[in-house]
Amino acid sequence: MAGDQATEIFPGIAVNPQIMGGTPVIAGTRVPVEVVLGHLAAGDSAAAIMVEYDLTEEQIRSALAVTCSSCRSVIR
């Protein structure tokens, strides 16, 4: 069924209505982008986030990049 498939909305970032209610997550995980950003905003290091959520540096960068992209589209 098409609704059961994840859709990559940005490299490394996916949405699937069946996972976290369609919230953007790190592809292949159930870790929401907003959780990663919240940790970074709180001052947590990328290394700490990588350990806590079993993520790679590239996945954390994808979370930042999709947010930058979203901000650019709002500003324009």
PDB file of N, CA and C in Angstrom:
ATOM      1  N   MET A   1       0.835  -1.181   0.000  1.00  0.00           N
ATOM      2  CA  MET A   1       0.000   0.000   0.000  1.00  0.00           C
ATOM      3  C   MET A   1       0.880   1.246   0.000  1.00  0.00           C
ATOM      4  N   ALA A   2       0.568   2.234  -0.820  1.00  0.00           N
ATOM      5  CA  ALA A   2       1.408   3.410  -0.982  1.00  0.00           C
ATOM      6  C   ALA A   2       1.582   4.184   0.316  1.00  0.00           C
ATOM      7  N   GLY A   3       0.575   4.237   1.179  1.00  0.00           N
ATOM      8  CA  GLY A   3       0.654   4.974   2.421  1.00  0.00           C
ATOM      9  C   GLY A   3       1.626   4.365   3.422  1.00  0.00           C
ATOM     10  N   ASP A   4       2.026   3.120   3.187  1.00  0.00           N
ATOM     11  CA  ASP A   4       2.952   2.454   4.090  1.00  0.00           C
ATOM     12  C   ASP A   4       4.407   2.711   3.715  1.00  0.00           C
ATOM     13  N   GLN A   5       4.646   3.402   2.631  1.00  0.00           N
ATOM     14  CA  GLN A   5       5.991   3.653   2.147  1.00  0.00           C
ATOM     15  C   GLN A   5       6.500   4.999   2.658  1.00  0.00           C
ATOM     16  N   ALA A   6       7.762   5.010   3.058  1.00  0.00           N
ATOM     17  CA  ALA A   6       8.390   6.270   3.446  1.00  0.00           C
ATOM     18  C   ALA A   6       8.694   7.067   2.187  1.00  0.00           C
ATOM     19  N   THR A   7       8.529   8.366   2.284  1.00  0.00           N
ATOM     20  CA  THR A   7       8.857   9.270   1.193  1.00  0.00           C
ATOM     21  C   THR A   7      10.022  10.133   1.628  1.00  0.00           C
ATOM     22  N   GLU A   8      11.102  10.092   0.861  1.00  0.00           N
ATOM     23  CA  GLU A   8      12.244  10.936   1.187  1.00  0.00           C
ATOM     24  C   GLU A   8      11.933  12.354   0.734  1.00  0.00           C
ATOM     25  N   ILE A   9      11.847  13.273   1.689  1.00  0.00           N
ATOM     26  CA  ILE A   9      11.516  14.665   1.375  1.00  0.00           C
ATOM     27  C   ILE A   9      12.759  15.525   1.230  1.00  0.00           C
ATOM     28  N   PHE A  10      13.874  14.981   1.638  1.00  0.00           N
ATOM     29  CA  PHE A  10      15.173  15.652   1.576  1.00  0.00           C
ATOM     30  C   PHE A  10      16.190  14.527   1.744  1.00  0.00           C
ATOM     31  N   PRO A  11      17.373  14.651   1.178  1.00  0.00           N
ATOM     32  CA  PRO A  11      18.339  13.567   1.353  1.00  0.00           C
ATOM     33  C   PRO A  11      18.542  13.204   2.831  1.00  0.00           C
ATOM     34  N   GLY A  12      18.222  11.963   3.169  1.00  0.00           N
ATOM     35  CA  GLY A  12      18.395  11.486   4.531  1.00  0.00           C
ATOM     36  C   GLY A  12      17.230  11.743   5.464  1.00  0.00           C
ATOM     37  N   ILE A  13      16.170  12.391   4.964  1.00  0.00           N
ATOM     38  CA  ILE A  13      14.998  12.727   5.779  1.00  0.00           C
ATOM     39  C   ILE A  13      13.760  12.145   5.107  1.00  0.00           C
ATOM     40  N   ALA A  14      12.947  11.451   5.894  1.00  0.00           N
ATOM     41  CA  ALA A  14      11.770  10.783   5.325  1.00  0.00           C
ATOM     42  C   ALA A  14      10.516  11.066   6.150  1.00  0.00           C
ATOM     43  N   VAL A  15       9.379  10.895   5.493  1.00  0.00           N
ATOM     44  CA  VAL A  15       8.083  10.949   6.182  1.00  0.00           C
ATOM     45  C   VAL A  15       7.290   9.713   5.783  1.00  0.00           C
ATOM     46  N   ASN A  16       6.523   9.216   6.736  1.00  0.00           N
ATOM     47  CA  ASN A  16       5.652   8.073   6.509  1.00  0.00           C
ATOM     48  C   ASN A  16       4.506   8.228   7.496  1.00  0.00           C
ATOM     49  N   PRO A  17       3.275   8.276   7.009  1.00  0.00           N
ATOM     50  CA  PRO A  17       2.143   8.451   7.917  1.00  0.00           C
ATOM     51  C   PRO A  17       2.082   7.380   9.011  1.00  0.00           C
ATOM     52  N   GLN A  18       2.687   6.224   8.771  1.00  0.00           N
ATOM     53  CA  GLN A  18       2.663   5.134   9.742  1.00  0.00           C
ATOM     54  C   GLN A  18       3.790   5.236  10.779  1.00  0.00           C
ATOM     55  N   ILE A  19       4.715   6.166  10.584  1.00  0.00           N
ATOM     56  CA  ILE A  19       5.836   6.331  11.510  1.00  0.00           C
ATOM     57  C   ILE A  19       5.792   7.738  12.083  1.00  0.00           C
ATOM     58  N   MET A  20       5.635   7.813  13.382  1.00  0.00           N
ATOM     59  CA  MET A  20       5.597   9.090  14.099  1.00  0.00           C
ATOM     60  C   MET A  20       4.550  10.044  13.515  1.00  0.00           C
ATOM     61  N   GLY A  21       3.452   9.489  13.011  1.00  0.00           N
ATOM     62  CA  GLY A  21       2.355  10.307  12.495  1.00  0.00           C
ATOM     63  C   GLY A  21       2.723  11.172  11.300  1.00  0.00           C
ATOM     64  N   GLY A  22       3.747  10.766  10.566  1.00  0.00           N
ATOM     65  CA  GLY A  22       4.152  11.529   9.389  1.00  0.00           C
ATOM     66  C   GLY A  22       5.137  12.643   9.686  1.00  0.00           C
ATOM     67  N   THR A  23       5.609  12.715  10.920  1.00  0.00           N
ATOM     68  CA  THR A  23       6.623  13.704  11.291  1.00  0.00           C
ATOM     69  C   THR A  23       7.913  13.394  10.543  1.00  0.00           C
ATOM     70  N   PRO A  24       8.609  14.401  10.022  1.00  0.00           N
ATOM     71  CA  PRO A  24       9.892  14.136   9.367  1.00  0.00           C
ATOM     72  C   PRO A  24      10.880  13.480  10.340  1.00  0.00           C
ATOM     73  N   VAL A  25      11.446  12.373   9.897  1.00  0.00           N
ATOM     74  CA  VAL A  25      12.405  11.625  10.716  1.00  0.00           C
ATOM     75  C   VAL A  25      13.688  11.395   9.938  1.00  0.00           C
ATOM     76  N   ILE A  26      14.728  11.037  10.676  1.00  0.00           N
ATOM     77  CA  ILE A  26      15.960  10.612  10.031  1.00  0.00           C
ATOM     78  C   ILE A  26      15.629   9.310   9.301  1.00  0.00           C
ATOM     79  N   ALA A  27      15.905   9.258   8.002  1.00  0.00           N
ATOM     80  CA  ALA A  27      15.555   8.092   7.191  1.00  0.00           C
ATOM     81  C   ALA A  27      16.089   6.811   7.816  1.00  0.00           C
ATOM     82  N   GLY A  28      15.233   5.795   7.852  1.00  0.00           N
ATOM     83  CA  GLY A  28      15.607   4.500   8.393  1.00  0.00           C
ATOM     84  C   GLY A  28      15.523   4.412   9.907  1.00  0.00           C
ATOM     85  N   THR A  29      15.033   5.483  10.540  1.00  0.00           N
ATOM     86  CA  THR A  29      14.905   5.502  12.002  1.00  0.00           C
ATOM     87  C   THR A  29      13.514   6.025  12.365  1.00  0.00           C
ATOM     88  N   ARG A  30      13.268   6.096  13.659  1.00  0.00           N
ATOM     89  CA  ARG A  30      12.061   6.731  14.174  1.00  0.00           C
ATOM     90  C   ARG A  30      12.429   8.002  14.931  1.00  0.00           C
ATOM     91  N   VAL A  31      13.612   8.550  14.636  1.00  0.00           N
ATOM     92  CA  VAL A  31      14.103   9.739  15.332  1.00  0.00           C
ATOM     93  C   VAL A  31      13.639  10.987  14.575  1.00  0.00           C
ATOM     94  N   PRO A  32      12.738  11.763  15.179  1.00  0.00           N
ATOM     95  CA  PRO A  32      12.266  12.977  14.511  1.00  0.00           C
ATOM     96  C   PRO A  32      13.377  14.021  14.357  1.00  0.00           C
ATOM     97  N   VAL A  33      13.328  14.730  13.253  1.00  0.00           N
ATOM     98  CA  VAL A  33      14.269  15.818  13.006  1.00  0.00           C
ATOM     99  C   VAL A  33      14.209  16.813  14.161  1.00  0.00           C
ATOM    100  N   GLU A  34      13.003  17.113  14.643  1.00  0.00           N
ATOM    101  CA  GLU A  34      12.861  18.106  15.703  1.00  0.00           C
ATOM    102  C   GLU A  34      13.555  17.674  16.997  1.00  0.00           C
ATOM    103  N   VAL A  35      13.669  16.387  17.247  1.00  0.00           N
ATOM    104  CA  VAL A  35      14.380  15.910  18.437  1.00  0.00           C
ATOM    105  C   VAL A  35      15.872  16.203  18.304  1.00  0.00           C
ATOM    106  N   VAL A  36      16.416  15.928  17.140  1.00  0.00           N
ATOM    107  CA  VAL A  36      17.835  16.213  16.903  1.00  0.00           C
ATOM    108  C   VAL A  36      18.093  17.706  17.060  1.00  0.00           C
ATOM    109  N   LEU A  37      17.241  18.530  16.454  1.00  0.00           N
ATOM    110  CA  LEU A  37      17.419  19.976  16.538  1.00  0.00           C
ATOM    111  C   LEU A  37      17.266  20.480  17.963  1.00  0.00           C
ATOM    112  N   GLY A  38      16.338  19.911  18.694  1.00  0.00           N
ATOM    113  CA  GLY A  38      16.139  20.300  20.081  1.00  0.00           C
ATOM    114  C   GLY A  38      17.376  20.032  20.927  1.00  0.00           C
ATOM    115  N   HIS A  39      17.994  18.885  20.705  1.00  0.00           N
ATOM    116  CA  HIS A  39      19.222  18.570  21.436  1.00  0.00           C
ATOM    117  C   HIS A  39      20.340  19.545  21.077  1.00  0.00           C
ATOM    118  N   LEU A  40      20.473  19.836  19.792  1.00  0.00           N
ATOM    119  CA  LEU A  40      21.511  20.779  19.372  1.00  0.00           C
ATOM    120  C   LEU A  40      21.245  22.161  19.965  1.00  0.00           C
ATOM    121  N   ALA A  41      19.997  22.601  19.941  1.00  0.00           N
ATOM    122  CA  ALA A  41      19.637  23.909  20.493  1.00  0.00           C
ATOM    123  C   ALA A  41      19.900  23.975  21.995  1.00  0.00           C
ATOM    124  N   ALA A  42      19.760  22.846  22.661  1.00  0.00           N
ATOM    125  CA  ALA A  42      19.995  22.789  24.103  1.00  0.00           C
ATOM    126  C   ALA A  42      21.485  22.737  24.442  1.00  0.00           C
ATOM    127  N   GLY A  43      22.315  22.636  23.415  1.00  0.00           N
ATOM    128  CA  GLY A  43      23.756  22.627  23.639  1.00  0.00           C
ATOM    129  C   GLY A  43      24.403  21.257  23.648  1.00  0.00           C
ATOM    130  N   ASP A  44      23.623  20.225  23.358  1.00  0.00           N
ATOM    131  CA  ASP A  44      24.200  18.887  23.295  1.00  0.00           C
ATOM    132  C   ASP A  44      25.117  18.782  22.076  1.00  0.00           C
ATOM    133  N   SER A  45      26.185  18.056  22.219  1.00  0.00           N
ATOM    134  CA  SER A  45      27.111  17.893  21.102  1.00  0.00           C
ATOM    135  C   SER A  45      26.561  16.870  20.111  1.00  0.00           C
ATOM    136  N   ALA A  46      27.036  16.992  18.874  1.00  0.00           N
ATOM    137  CA  ALA A  46      26.651  16.009  17.861  1.00  0.00           C
ATOM    138  C   ALA A  46      27.087  14.619  18.308  1.00  0.00           C
ATOM    139  N   ALA A  47      28.249  14.521  18.937  1.00  0.00           N
ATOM    140  CA  ALA A  47      28.746  13.219  19.402  1.00  0.00           C
ATOM    141  C   ALA A  47      27.796  12.601  20.421  1.00  0.00           C
ATOM    142  N   ALA A  48      27.273  13.407  21.331  1.00  0.00           N
ATOM    143  CA  ALA A  48      26.337  12.895  22.340  1.00  0.00           C
ATOM    144  C   ALA A  48      25.044  12.417  21.686  1.00  0.00           C
ATOM    145  N   ILE A  49      24.563  13.152  20.708  1.00  0.00           N
ATOM    146  CA  ILE A  49      23.333  12.773  20.000  1.00  0.00           C
ATOM    147  C   ILE A  49      23.567  11.487  19.215  1.00  0.00           C
ATOM    148  N   MET A  50      24.728  11.375  18.601  1.00  0.00           N
ATOM    149  CA  MET A  50      25.061  10.175  17.842  1.00  0.00           C
ATOM    150  C   MET A  50      25.023   8.938  18.729  1.00  0.00           C
ATOM    151  N   VAL A  51      25.539   9.053  19.927  1.00  0.00           N
ATOM    152  CA  VAL A  51      25.553   7.921  20.857  1.00  0.00           C
ATOM    153  C   VAL A  51      24.139   7.618  21.352  1.00  0.00           C
ATOM    154  N   GLU A  52      23.422   8.661  21.771  1.00  0.00           N
ATOM    155  CA  GLU A  52      22.096   8.447  22.354  1.00  0.00           C
ATOM    156  C   GLU A  52      21.101   7.840  21.371  1.00  0.00           C
ATOM    157  N   TYR A  53      21.172   8.247  20.101  1.00  0.00           N
ATOM    158  CA  TYR A  53      20.187   7.794  19.113  1.00  0.00           C
ATOM    159  C   TYR A  53      20.767   6.879  18.039  1.00  0.00           C
ATOM    160  N   ASP A  54      22.030   6.498  18.169  1.00  0.00           N
ATOM    161  CA  ASP A  54      22.694   5.637  17.191  1.00  0.00           C
ATOM    162  C   ASP A  54      22.614   6.233  15.785  1.00  0.00           C
ATOM    163  N   LEU A  55      22.999   7.496  15.689  1.00  0.00           N
ATOM    164  CA  LEU A  55      22.995   8.215  14.412  1.00  0.00           C
ATOM    165  C   LEU A  55      24.424   8.471  13.957  1.00  0.00           C
ATOM    166  N   THR A  56      24.553   8.811  12.680  1.00  0.00           N
ATOM    167  CA  THR A  56      25.858   9.196  12.138  1.00  0.00           C
ATOM    168  C   THR A  56      25.917  10.723  12.063  1.00  0.00           C
ATOM    169  N   GLU A  57      27.109  11.220  11.896  1.00  0.00           N
ATOM    170  CA  GLU A  57      27.271  12.669  11.726  1.00  0.00           C
ATOM    171  C   GLU A  57      26.513  13.137  10.482  1.00  0.00           C
ATOM    172  N   GLU A  58      26.542  12.338   9.449  1.00  0.00           N
ATOM    173  CA  GLU A  58      25.829  12.689   8.213  1.00  0.00           C
ATOM    174  C   GLU A  58      24.326  12.828   8.462  1.00  0.00           C
ATOM    175  N   GLN A  59      23.767  11.956   9.288  1.00  0.00           N
ATOM    176  CA  GLN A  59      22.335  12.042   9.594  1.00  0.00           C
ATOM    177  C   GLN A  59      22.014  13.313  10.368  1.00  0.00           C
ATOM    178  N   ILE A  60      22.882  13.706  11.266  1.00  0.00           N
ATOM    179  CA  ILE A  60      22.669  14.950  12.012  1.00  0.00           C
ATOM    180  C   ILE A  60      22.769  16.142  11.070  1.00  0.00           C
ATOM    181  N   ARG A  61      23.709  16.094  10.155  1.00  0.00           N
ATOM    182  CA  ARG A  61      23.832  17.175   9.168  1.00  0.00           C
ATOM    183  C   ARG A  61      22.596  17.251   8.267  1.00  0.00           C
ATOM    184  N   SER A  62      22.009  16.107   7.951  1.00  0.00           N
ATOM    185  CA  SER A  62      20.779  16.098   7.151  1.00  0.00           C
ATOM    186  C   SER A  62      19.646  16.798   7.887  1.00  0.00           C
ATOM    187  N   ALA A  63      19.562  16.576   9.205  1.00  0.00           N
ATOM    188  CA  ALA A  63      18.529  17.247   9.998  1.00  0.00           C
ATOM    189  C   ALA A  63      18.721  18.763   9.960  1.00  0.00           C
ATOM    190  N   LEU A  64      19.955  19.207  10.058  1.00  0.00           N
ATOM    191  CA  LEU A  64      20.235  20.636   9.971  1.00  0.00           C
ATOM    192  C   LEU A  64      19.955  21.172   8.574  1.00  0.00           C
ATOM    193  N   ALA A  65      20.343  20.426   7.570  1.00  0.00           N
ATOM    194  CA  ALA A  65      20.176  20.887   6.188  1.00  0.00           C
ATOM    195  C   ALA A  65      18.706  21.014   5.801  1.00  0.00           C
ATOM    196  N   VAL A  66      17.871  20.054   6.195  1.00  0.00           N
ATOM    197  CA  VAL A  66      16.460  20.145   5.836  1.00  0.00           C
ATOM    198  C   VAL A  66      15.821  21.338   6.538  1.00  0.00           C
ATOM    199  N   THR A  67      16.271  21.638   7.726  1.00  0.00           N
ATOM    200  CA  THR A  67      15.745  22.795   8.451  1.00  0.00           C
ATOM    201  C   THR A  67      16.162  24.086   7.757  1.00  0.00           C
ATOM    202  N   CYS A  68      17.410  24.170   7.334  1.00  0.00           N
ATOM    203  CA  CYS A  68      17.873  25.351   6.595  1.00  0.00           C
ATOM    204  C   CYS A  68      17.077  25.527   5.316  1.00  0.00           C
ATOM    205  N   SER A  69      16.840  24.433   4.635  1.00  0.00           N
ATOM    206  CA  SER A  69      16.083  24.475   3.396  1.00  0.00           C
ATOM    207  C   SER A  69      14.655  24.978   3.648  1.00  0.00           C
ATOM    208  N   SER A  70      14.056  24.495   4.727  1.00  0.00           N
ATOM    209  CA  SER A  70      12.693  24.921   5.071  1.00  0.00           C
ATOM    210  C   SER A  70      12.659  26.408   5.407  1.00  0.00           C
ATOM    211  N   CYS A  71      13.641  26.865   6.134  1.00  0.00           N
ATOM    212  CA  CYS A  71      13.711  28.288   6.495  1.00  0.00           C
ATOM    213  C   CYS A  71      13.858  29.158   5.258  1.00  0.00           C
ATOM    214  N   ARG A  72      14.697  28.710   4.325  1.00  0.00           N
ATOM    215  CA  ARG A  72      14.879  29.482   3.085  1.00  0.00           C
ATOM    216  C   ARG A  72      13.572  29.606   2.321  1.00  0.00           C
ATOM    217  N   SER A  73      12.787  28.521   2.282  1.00  0.00           N
ATOM    218  CA  SER A  73      11.544  28.564   1.520  1.00  0.00           C
ATOM    219  C   SER A  73      10.513  29.471   2.197  1.00  0.00           C
ATOM    220  N   VAL A  74      10.551  29.606   3.502  1.00  0.00           N
ATOM    221  CA  VAL A  74       9.636  30.499   4.219  1.00  0.00           C
ATOM    222  C   VAL A  74      10.009  31.939   3.981  1.00  0.00           C
ATOM    223  N   ILE A  75      11.309  32.217   3.961  1.00  0.00           N
ATOM    224  CA  ILE A  75      11.801  33.586   3.794  1.00  0.00           C
ATOM    225  C   ILE A  75      11.524  34.111   2.396  1.00  0.00           C
ATOM    226  N   ARG A  76      11.566  33.254   1.411  1.00  0.00           N
ATOM    227  CA  ARG A  76      11.385  33.687   0.013  1.00  0.00           C
ATOM    228  C   ARG A  76       9.988  33.958  -0.260  1.00  0.00           C
TER     229      ARG A  76
END
